[in-house]
Amino acid sequence: MIKVYALSTCPWCKKLKQFMKDNEIPCTVVDVDLLQGTDKEAALSEVDKVAGRRAFPITVIDDDVVVMGFKPEEIKEALDGEK
């Protein structure tokens, strides 16, 4: 399972979302800035836990591989390693 934590206004987040779409990589995208209340707090808490800081985008692959920023090659390498 792949989860992308992003901001709706972030240009790097938009590039990452487009990369995932163009490469037909299924993922769940969480636009943290569009959430409210407890949903937003839960997402931010998860970001803090997996990344240790709040920087976007963050890609989490199978709860153990974390790629911070727009790094398509790192994402491809992580996914190739799963096969």
PDB file of N, CA and C in Angstrom:
ATOM      1  N   MET A   1       0.833  -1.180   0.000  1.00  0.00           N
ATOM      2  CA  MET A   1       0.000   0.000   0.000  1.00  0.00           C
ATOM      3  C   MET A   1       0.879   1.245   0.000  1.00  0.00           C
ATOM      4  N   ILE A   2       0.496   2.217  -0.796  1.00  0.00           N
ATOM      5  CA  ILE A   2       1.256   3.460  -0.904  1.00  0.00           C
ATOM      6  C   ILE A   2       0.357   4.608  -0.479  1.00  0.00           C
ATOM      7  N   LYS A   3       0.895   5.449   0.396  1.00  0.00           N
ATOM      8  CA  LYS A   3       0.159   6.619   0.838  1.00  0.00           C
ATOM      9  C   LYS A   3       1.032   7.845   0.615  1.00  0.00           C
ATOM     10  N   VAL A   4       0.447   8.872   0.024  1.00  0.00           N
ATOM     11  CA  VAL A   4       1.148  10.125  -0.222  1.00  0.00           C
ATOM     12  C   VAL A   4       0.504  11.205   0.631  1.00  0.00           C
ATOM     13  N   TYR A   5       1.316  11.821   1.480  1.00  0.00           N
ATOM     14  CA  TYR A   5       0.871  12.977   2.251  1.00  0.00           C
ATOM     15  C   TYR A   5       1.330  14.211   1.485  1.00  0.00           C
ATOM     16  N   ALA A   6       0.374  15.082   1.171  1.00  0.00           N
ATOM     17  CA  ALA A   6       0.677  16.225   0.319  1.00  0.00           C
ATOM     18  C   ALA A   6      -0.086  17.460   0.792  1.00  0.00           C
ATOM     19  N   LEU A   7       0.224  18.565   0.135  1.00  0.00           N
ATOM     20  CA  LEU A   7      -0.528  19.800   0.312  1.00  0.00           C
ATOM     21  C   LEU A   7      -1.118  20.154  -1.047  1.00  0.00           C
ATOM     22  N   SER A   8      -2.347  20.587  -1.071  1.00  0.00           N
ATOM     23  CA  SER A   8      -3.024  20.858  -2.344  1.00  0.00           C
ATOM     24  C   SER A   8      -2.382  21.994  -3.128  1.00  0.00           C
ATOM     25  N   THR A   9      -1.668  22.889  -2.465  1.00  0.00           N
ATOM     26  CA  THR A   9      -1.078  24.055  -3.126  1.00  0.00           C
ATOM     27  C   THR A   9       0.410  23.897  -3.441  1.00  0.00           C
ATOM     28  N   CYS A  10       1.002  22.792  -3.043  1.00  0.00           N
ATOM     29  CA  CYS A  10       2.447  22.581  -3.189  1.00  0.00           C
ATOM     30  C   CYS A  10       2.792  22.105  -4.609  1.00  0.00           C
ATOM     31  N   PRO A  11       3.678  22.836  -5.312  1.00  0.00           N
ATOM     32  CA  PRO A  11       4.028  22.417  -6.681  1.00  0.00           C
ATOM     33  C   PRO A  11       4.730  21.057  -6.734  1.00  0.00           C
ATOM     34  N   TRP A  12       5.563  20.728  -5.737  1.00  0.00           N
ATOM     35  CA  TRP A  12       6.233  19.425  -5.730  1.00  0.00           C
ATOM     36  C   TRP A  12       5.248  18.305  -5.458  1.00  0.00           C
ATOM     37  N   CYS A  13       4.251  18.601  -4.639  1.00  0.00           N
ATOM     38  CA  CYS A  13       3.197  17.613  -4.373  1.00  0.00           C
ATOM     39  C   CYS A  13       2.404  17.332  -5.643  1.00  0.00           C
ATOM     40  N   LYS A  14       2.118  18.385  -6.395  1.00  0.00           N
ATOM     41  CA  LYS A  14       1.390  18.214  -7.656  1.00  0.00           C
ATOM     42  C   LYS A  14       2.199  17.379  -8.635  1.00  0.00           C
ATOM     43  N   LYS A  15       3.515  17.610  -8.691  1.00  0.00           N
ATOM     44  CA  LYS A  15       4.371  16.818  -9.577  1.00  0.00           C
ATOM     45  C   LYS A  15       4.354  15.345  -9.167  1.00  0.00           C
ATOM     46  N   LEU A  16       4.413  15.105  -7.865  1.00  0.00           N
ATOM     47  CA  LEU A  16       4.400  13.723  -7.377  1.00  0.00           C
ATOM     48  C   LEU A  16       3.077  13.038  -7.712  1.00  0.00           C
ATOM     49  N   LYS A  17       1.977  13.726  -7.489  1.00  0.00           N
ATOM     50  CA  LYS A  17       0.665  13.135  -7.792  1.00  0.00           C
ATOM     51  C   LYS A  17       0.560  12.822  -9.281  1.00  0.00           C
ATOM     52  N   GLN A  18       1.073  13.710 -10.130  1.00  0.00           N
ATOM     53  CA  GLN A  18       1.038  13.484 -11.575  1.00  0.00           C
ATOM     54  C   GLN A  18       1.940  12.319 -11.960  1.00  0.00           C
ATOM     55  N   PHE A  19       3.111  12.229 -11.334  1.00  0.00           N
ATOM     56  CA  PHE A  19       4.025  11.112 -11.576  1.00  0.00           C
ATOM     57  C   PHE A  19       3.353   9.777 -11.247  1.00  0.00           C
ATOM     58  N   MET A  20       2.688   9.721 -10.107  1.00  0.00           N
ATOM     59  CA  MET A  20       2.007   8.486  -9.711  1.00  0.00           C
ATOM     60  C   MET A  20       0.921   8.121 -10.723  1.00  0.00           C
ATOM     61  N   LYS A  21       0.187   9.130 -11.162  1.00  0.00           N
ATOM     62  CA  LYS A  21      -0.886   8.900 -12.132  1.00  0.00           C
ATOM     63  C   LYS A  21      -0.311   8.451 -13.478  1.00  0.00           C
ATOM     64  N   ASP A  22       0.710   9.171 -13.955  1.00  0.00           N
ATOM     65  CA  ASP A  22       1.317   8.857 -15.257  1.00  0.00           C
ATOM     66  C   ASP A  22       1.917   7.455 -15.291  1.00  0.00           C
ATOM     67  N   ASN A  23       2.432   7.004 -14.150  1.00  0.00           N
ATOM     68  CA  ASN A  23       3.060   5.689 -14.079  1.00  0.00           C
ATOM     69  C   ASN A  23       2.115   4.606 -13.563  1.00  0.00           C
ATOM     70  N   GLU A  24       0.849   4.969 -13.437  1.00  0.00           N
ATOM     71  CA  GLU A  24      -0.192   4.035 -13.004  1.00  0.00           C
ATOM     72  C   GLU A  24       0.183   3.326 -11.701  1.00  0.00           C
ATOM     73  N   ILE A  25       0.694   4.127 -10.754  1.00  0.00           N
ATOM     74  CA  ILE A  25       1.050   3.604  -9.444  1.00  0.00           C
ATOM     75  C   ILE A  25      -0.120   3.910  -8.505  1.00  0.00           C
ATOM     76  N   PRO A  26      -0.836   2.889  -8.082  1.00  0.00           N
ATOM     77  CA  PRO A  26      -1.988   3.131  -7.208  1.00  0.00           C
ATOM     78  C   PRO A  26      -1.545   3.627  -5.836  1.00  0.00           C
ATOM     79  N   CYS A  27      -2.177   4.679  -5.383  1.00  0.00           N
ATOM     80  CA  CYS A  27      -1.832   5.225  -4.073  1.00  0.00           C
ATOM     81  C   CYS A  27      -3.020   5.984  -3.505  1.00  0.00           C
ATOM     82  N   THR A  28      -2.963   6.162  -2.201  1.00  0.00           N
ATOM     83  CA  THR A  28      -3.942   6.991  -1.511  1.00  0.00           C
ATOM     84  C   THR A  28      -3.274   8.330  -1.263  1.00  0.00           C
ATOM     85  N   VAL A  29      -3.911   9.403  -1.717  1.00  0.00           N
ATOM     86  CA  VAL A  29      -3.361  10.740  -1.526  1.00  0.00           C
ATOM     87  C   VAL A  29      -4.138  11.434  -0.417  1.00  0.00           C
ATOM     88  N   VAL A  30      -3.394  11.962   0.542  1.00  0.00           N
ATOM     89  CA  VAL A  30      -3.999  12.723   1.635  1.00  0.00           C
ATOM     90  C   VAL A  30      -3.508  14.160   1.515  1.00  0.00           C
ATOM     91  N   ASP A  31      -4.392  15.055   1.065  1.00  0.00           N
ATOM     92  CA  ASP A  31      -4.066  16.484   1.024  1.00  0.00           C
ATOM     93  C   ASP A  31      -4.328  17.034   2.417  1.00  0.00           C
ATOM     94  N   VAL A  32      -3.274  17.089   3.212  1.00  0.00           N
ATOM     95  CA  VAL A  32      -3.391  17.414   4.626  1.00  0.00           C
ATOM     96  C   VAL A  32      -4.039  18.788   4.852  1.00  0.00           C
ATOM     97  N   ASP A  33      -3.711  19.746   4.001  1.00  0.00           N
ATOM     98  CA  ASP A  33      -4.250  21.095   4.194  1.00  0.00           C
ATOM     99  C   ASP A  33      -5.754  21.201   3.933  1.00  0.00           C
ATOM    100  N   LEU A  34      -6.323  20.194   3.293  1.00  0.00           N
ATOM    101  CA  LEU A  34      -7.765  20.221   3.029  1.00  0.00           C
ATOM    102  C   LEU A  34      -8.571  19.526   4.129  1.00  0.00           C
ATOM    103  N   LEU A  35      -7.869  18.867   5.029  1.00  0.00           N
ATOM    104  CA  LEU A  35      -8.546  18.195   6.144  1.00  0.00           C
ATOM    105  C   LEU A  35      -8.877  19.200   7.240  1.00  0.00           C
ATOM    106  N   GLN A  36      -9.794  18.791   8.118  1.00  0.00           N
ATOM    107  CA  GLN A  36     -10.161  19.663   9.232  1.00  0.00           C
ATOM    108  C   GLN A  36     -10.272  18.849  10.514  1.00  0.00           C
ATOM    109  N   GLY A  37     -10.150  19.539  11.613  1.00  0.00           N
ATOM    110  CA  GLY A  37     -10.392  18.935  12.920  1.00  0.00           C
ATOM    111  C   GLY A  37      -9.526  17.733  13.216  1.00  0.00           C
ATOM    112  N   THR A  38     -10.180  16.688  13.739  1.00  0.00           N
ATOM    113  CA  THR A  38      -9.441  15.499  14.165  1.00  0.00           C
ATOM    114  C   THR A  38      -8.788  14.763  12.992  1.00  0.00           C
ATOM    115  N   ASP A  39      -9.400  14.839  11.804  1.00  0.00           N
ATOM    116  CA  ASP A  39      -8.791  14.210  10.628  1.00  0.00           C
ATOM    117  C   ASP A  39      -7.437  14.847  10.321  1.00  0.00           C
ATOM    118  N   LYS A  40      -7.389  16.175  10.382  1.00  0.00           N
ATOM    119  CA  LYS A  40      -6.145  16.895  10.110  1.00  0.00           C
ATOM    120  C   LYS A  40      -5.100  16.581  11.178  1.00  0.00           C
ATOM    121  N   GLU A  41      -5.509  16.584  12.437  1.00  0.00           N
ATOM    122  CA  GLU A  41      -4.576  16.281  13.520  1.00  0.00           C
ATOM    123  C   GLU A  41      -4.027  14.865  13.390  1.00  0.00           C
ATOM    124  N   ALA A  42      -4.876  13.923  13.024  1.00  0.00           N
ATOM    125  CA  ALA A  42      -4.440  12.538  12.852  1.00  0.00           C
ATOM    126  C   ALA A  42      -3.429  12.421  11.711  1.00  0.00           C
ATOM    127  N   ALA A  43      -3.687  13.103  10.605  1.00  0.00           N
ATOM    128  CA  ALA A  43      -2.768  13.064   9.463  1.00  0.00           C
ATOM    129  C   ALA A  43      -1.428  13.695   9.825  1.00  0.00           C
ATOM    130  N   LEU A  44      -1.460  14.832  10.507  1.00  0.00           N
ATOM    131  CA  LEU A  44      -0.214  15.494  10.912  1.00  0.00           C
ATOM    132  C   LEU A  44       0.569  14.637  11.910  1.00  0.00           C
ATOM    133  N   SER A  45      -0.135  13.971  12.788  1.00  0.00           N
ATOM    134  CA  SER A  45       0.510  13.071  13.735  1.00  0.00           C
ATOM    135  C   SER A  45       1.200  11.924  12.998  1.00  0.00           C
ATOM    136  N   GLU A  46       0.542  11.389  11.994  1.00  0.00           N
ATOM    137  CA  GLU A  46       1.114  10.308  11.195  1.00  0.00           C
ATOM    138  C   GLU A  46       2.354  10.800  10.440  1.00  0.00           C
ATOM    139  N   VAL A  47       2.284  12.005   9.884  1.00  0.00           N
ATOM    140  CA  VAL A  47       3.438  12.592   9.186  1.00  0.00           C
ATOM    141  C   VAL A  47       4.606  12.732  10.151  1.00  0.00           C
ATOM    142  N   ASP A  48       4.341  13.255  11.334  1.00  0.00           N
ATOM    143  CA  ASP A  48       5.394  13.404  12.348  1.00  0.00           C
ATOM    144  C   ASP A  48       6.022  12.055  12.681  1.00  0.00           C
ATOM    145  N   LYS A  49       5.180  11.023  12.793  1.00  0.00           N
ATOM    146  CA  LYS A  49       5.656   9.689  13.171  1.00  0.00           C
ATOM    147  C   LYS A  49       6.538   9.078  12.088  1.00  0.00           C
ATOM    148  N   VAL A  50       6.093   9.137  10.845  1.00  0.00           N
ATOM    149  CA  VAL A  50       6.838   8.455   9.776  1.00  0.00           C
ATOM    150  C   VAL A  50       8.027   9.262   9.261  1.00  0.00           C
ATOM    151  N   ALA A  51       7.931  10.576   9.307  1.00  0.00           N
ATOM    152  CA  ALA A  51       8.985  11.400   8.711  1.00  0.00           C
ATOM    153  C   ALA A  51       9.843  12.142   9.731  1.00  0.00           C
ATOM    154  N   GLY A  52       9.322  12.311  10.922  1.00  0.00           N
ATOM    155  CA  GLY A  52      10.077  13.034  11.932  1.00  0.00           C
ATOM    156  C   GLY A  52      10.017  14.539  11.790  1.00  0.00           C
ATOM    157  N   ARG A  53       9.377  14.999  10.749  1.00  0.00           N
ATOM    158  CA  ARG A  53       9.193  16.437  10.544  1.00  0.00           C
ATOM    159  C   ARG A  53       8.083  16.651   9.524  1.00  0.00           C
ATOM    160  N   ARG A  54       7.637  17.885   9.445  1.00  0.00           N
ATOM    161  CA  ARG A  54       6.561  18.206   8.512  1.00  0.00           C
ATOM    162  C   ARG A  54       7.127  18.868   7.269  1.00  0.00           C
ATOM    163  N   ALA A  55       7.306  18.048   6.266  1.00  0.00           N
ATOM    164  CA  ALA A  55       7.756  18.513   4.960  1.00  0.00           C
ATOM    165  C   ALA A  55       6.974  17.702   3.933  1.00  0.00           C
ATOM    166  N   PHE A  56       6.559  18.319   2.885  1.00  0.00           N
ATOM    167  CA  PHE A  56       5.703  17.636   1.913  1.00  0.00           C
ATOM    168  C   PHE A  56       6.299  17.748   0.524  1.00  0.00           C
ATOM    169  N   PRO A  57       6.051  16.751  -0.341  1.00  0.00           N
ATOM    170  CA  PRO A  57       5.278  15.532  -0.141  1.00  0.00           C
ATOM    171  C   PRO A  57       6.076  14.453   0.589  1.00  0.00           C
ATOM    172  N   ILE A  58       5.341  13.526   1.172  1.00  0.00           N
ATOM    173  CA  ILE A  58       5.917  12.354   1.816  1.00  0.00           C
ATOM    174  C   ILE A  58       5.209  11.130   1.243  1.00  0.00           C
ATOM    175  N   THR A  59       5.994  10.186   0.764  1.00  0.00           N
ATOM    176  CA  THR A  59       5.452   8.946   0.225  1.00  0.00           C
ATOM    177  C   THR A  59       5.806   7.813   1.179  1.00  0.00           C
ATOM    178  N   VAL A  60       4.801   7.082   1.629  1.00  0.00           N
ATOM    179  CA  VAL A  60       5.008   5.951   2.532  1.00  0.00           C
ATOM    180  C   VAL A  60       4.606   4.680   1.789  1.00  0.00           C
ATOM    181  N   ILE A  61       5.562   3.756   1.689  1.00  0.00           N
ATOM    182  CA  ILE A  61       5.326   2.507   0.967  1.00  0.00           C
ATOM    183  C   ILE A  61       5.346   1.359   1.973  1.00  0.00           C
ATOM    184  N   ASP A  62       4.226   0.681   2.094  1.00  0.00           N
ATOM    185  CA  ASP A  62       4.080  -0.465   3.007  1.00  0.00           C
ATOM    186  C   ASP A  62       4.525  -0.155   4.438  1.00  0.00           C
ATOM    187  N   ASP A  63       4.251   1.039   4.881  1.00  0.00           N
ATOM    188  CA  ASP A  63       4.520   1.471   6.259  1.00  0.00           C
ATOM    189  C   ASP A  63       5.985   1.434   6.673  1.00  0.00           C
ATOM    190  N   ASP A  64       6.914   1.156   5.739  1.00  0.00           N
ATOM    191  CA  ASP A  64       8.310   1.119   6.172  1.00  0.00           C
ATOM    192  C   ASP A  64       9.268   1.922   5.301  1.00  0.00           C
ATOM    193  N   VAL A  65       8.937   2.188   4.062  1.00  0.00           N
ATOM    194  CA  VAL A  65       9.794   2.999   3.203  1.00  0.00           C
ATOM    195  C   VAL A  65       9.198   4.397   3.123  1.00  0.00           C
ATOM    196  N   VAL A  66       9.999   5.377   3.511  1.00  0.00           N
ATOM    197  CA  VAL A  66       9.537   6.758   3.490  1.00  0.00           C
ATOM    198  C   VAL A  66      10.416   7.553   2.537  1.00  0.00           C
ATOM    199  N   VAL A  67       9.789   8.167   1.542  1.00  0.00           N
ATOM    200  CA  VAL A  67      10.502   9.023   0.601  1.00  0.00           C
ATOM    201  C   VAL A  67       9.989  10.437   0.808  1.00  0.00           C
ATOM    202  N   MET A  68      10.908  11.323   1.174  1.00  0.00           N
ATOM    203  CA  MET A  68      10.521  12.711   1.411  1.00  0.00           C
ATOM    204  C   MET A  68      10.867  13.544   0.185  1.00  0.00           C
ATOM    205  N   GLY A  69       9.905  14.326  -0.273  1.00  0.00           N
ATOM    206  CA  GLY A  69      10.125  15.171  -1.444  1.00  0.00           C
ATOM    207  C   GLY A  69       9.713  14.471  -2.720  1.00  0.00           C
ATOM    208  N   PHE A  70       9.944  15.155  -3.841  1.00  0.00           N
ATOM    209  CA  PHE A  70       9.627  14.602  -5.151  1.00  0.00           C
ATOM    210  C   PHE A  70      10.872  13.893  -5.672  1.00  0.00           C
ATOM    211  N   LYS A  71      10.931  12.579  -5.429  1.00  0.00           N
ATOM    212  CA  LYS A  71      12.086  11.770  -5.812  1.00  0.00           C
ATOM    213  C   LYS A  71      11.606  10.517  -6.534  1.00  0.00           C
ATOM    214  N   PRO A  72      11.226  10.676  -7.803  1.00  0.00           N
ATOM    215  CA  PRO A  72      10.660   9.548  -8.547  1.00  0.00           C
ATOM    216  C   PRO A  72      11.570   8.323  -8.607  1.00  0.00           C
ATOM    217  N   GLU A  73      12.879   8.543  -8.716  1.00  0.00           N
ATOM    218  CA  GLU A  73      13.785   7.392  -8.806  1.00  0.00           C
ATOM    219  C   GLU A  73      13.789   6.577  -7.521  1.00  0.00           C
ATOM    220  N   GLU A  74      13.745   7.257  -6.371  1.00  0.00           N
ATOM    221  CA  GLU A  74      13.693   6.539  -5.093  1.00  0.00           C
ATOM    222  C   GLU A  74      12.401   5.745  -4.959  1.00  0.00           C
ATOM    223  N   ILE A  75      11.320   6.321  -5.424  1.00  0.00           N
ATOM    224  CA  ILE A  75      10.024   5.630  -5.361  1.00  0.00           C
ATOM    225  C   ILE A  75      10.065   4.390  -6.268  1.00  0.00           C
ATOM    226  N   LYS A  76      10.580   4.553  -7.484  1.00  0.00           N
ATOM    227  CA  LYS A  76      10.680   3.409  -8.405  1.00  0.00           C
ATOM    228  C   LYS A  76      11.557   2.319  -7.817  1.00  0.00           C
ATOM    229  N   GLU A  77      12.701   2.704  -7.228  1.00  0.00           N
ATOM    230  CA  GLU A  77      13.601   1.713  -6.623  1.00  0.00           C
ATOM    231  C   GLU A  77      12.896   0.954  -5.505  1.00  0.00           C
ATOM    232  N   ALA A  78      12.183   1.665  -4.655  1.00  0.00           N
ATOM    233  CA  ALA A  78      11.473   1.027  -3.550  1.00  0.00           C
ATOM    234  C   ALA A  78      10.418   0.061  -4.079  1.00  0.00           C
ATOM    235  N   LEU A  79       9.716   0.460  -5.113  1.00  0.00           N
ATOM    236  CA  LEU A  79       8.669  -0.410  -5.668  1.00  0.00           C
ATOM    237  C   LEU A  79       9.281  -1.613  -6.393  1.00  0.00           C
ATOM    238  N   ASP A  80      10.395  -1.423  -7.068  1.00  0.00           N
ATOM    239  CA  ASP A  80      11.053  -2.549  -7.749  1.00  0.00           C
ATOM    240  C   ASP A  80      11.572  -3.561  -6.741  1.00  0.00           C
ATOM    241  N   GLY A  81      11.985  -3.084  -5.575  1.00  0.00           N
ATOM    242  CA  GLY A  81      12.477  -3.968  -4.534  1.00  0.00           C
ATOM    243  C   GLY A  81      11.415  -4.853  -3.928  1.00  0.00           C
ATOM    244  N   GLU A  82      10.146  -4.459  -4.102  1.00  0.00           N
ATOM    245  CA  GLU A  82       9.038  -5.237  -3.544  1.00  0.00           C
ATOM    246  C   GLU A  82       8.665  -6.427  -4.396  1.00  0.00           C
ATOM    247  N   LYS A  83       9.048  -6.426  -5.656  1.00  0.00           N
ATOM    248  CA  LYS A  83       8.623  -7.480  -6.580  1.00  0.00           C
ATOM    249  C   LYS A  83       9.383  -8.751  -6.372  1.00  0.00           C
TER     250      LYS A  83
END
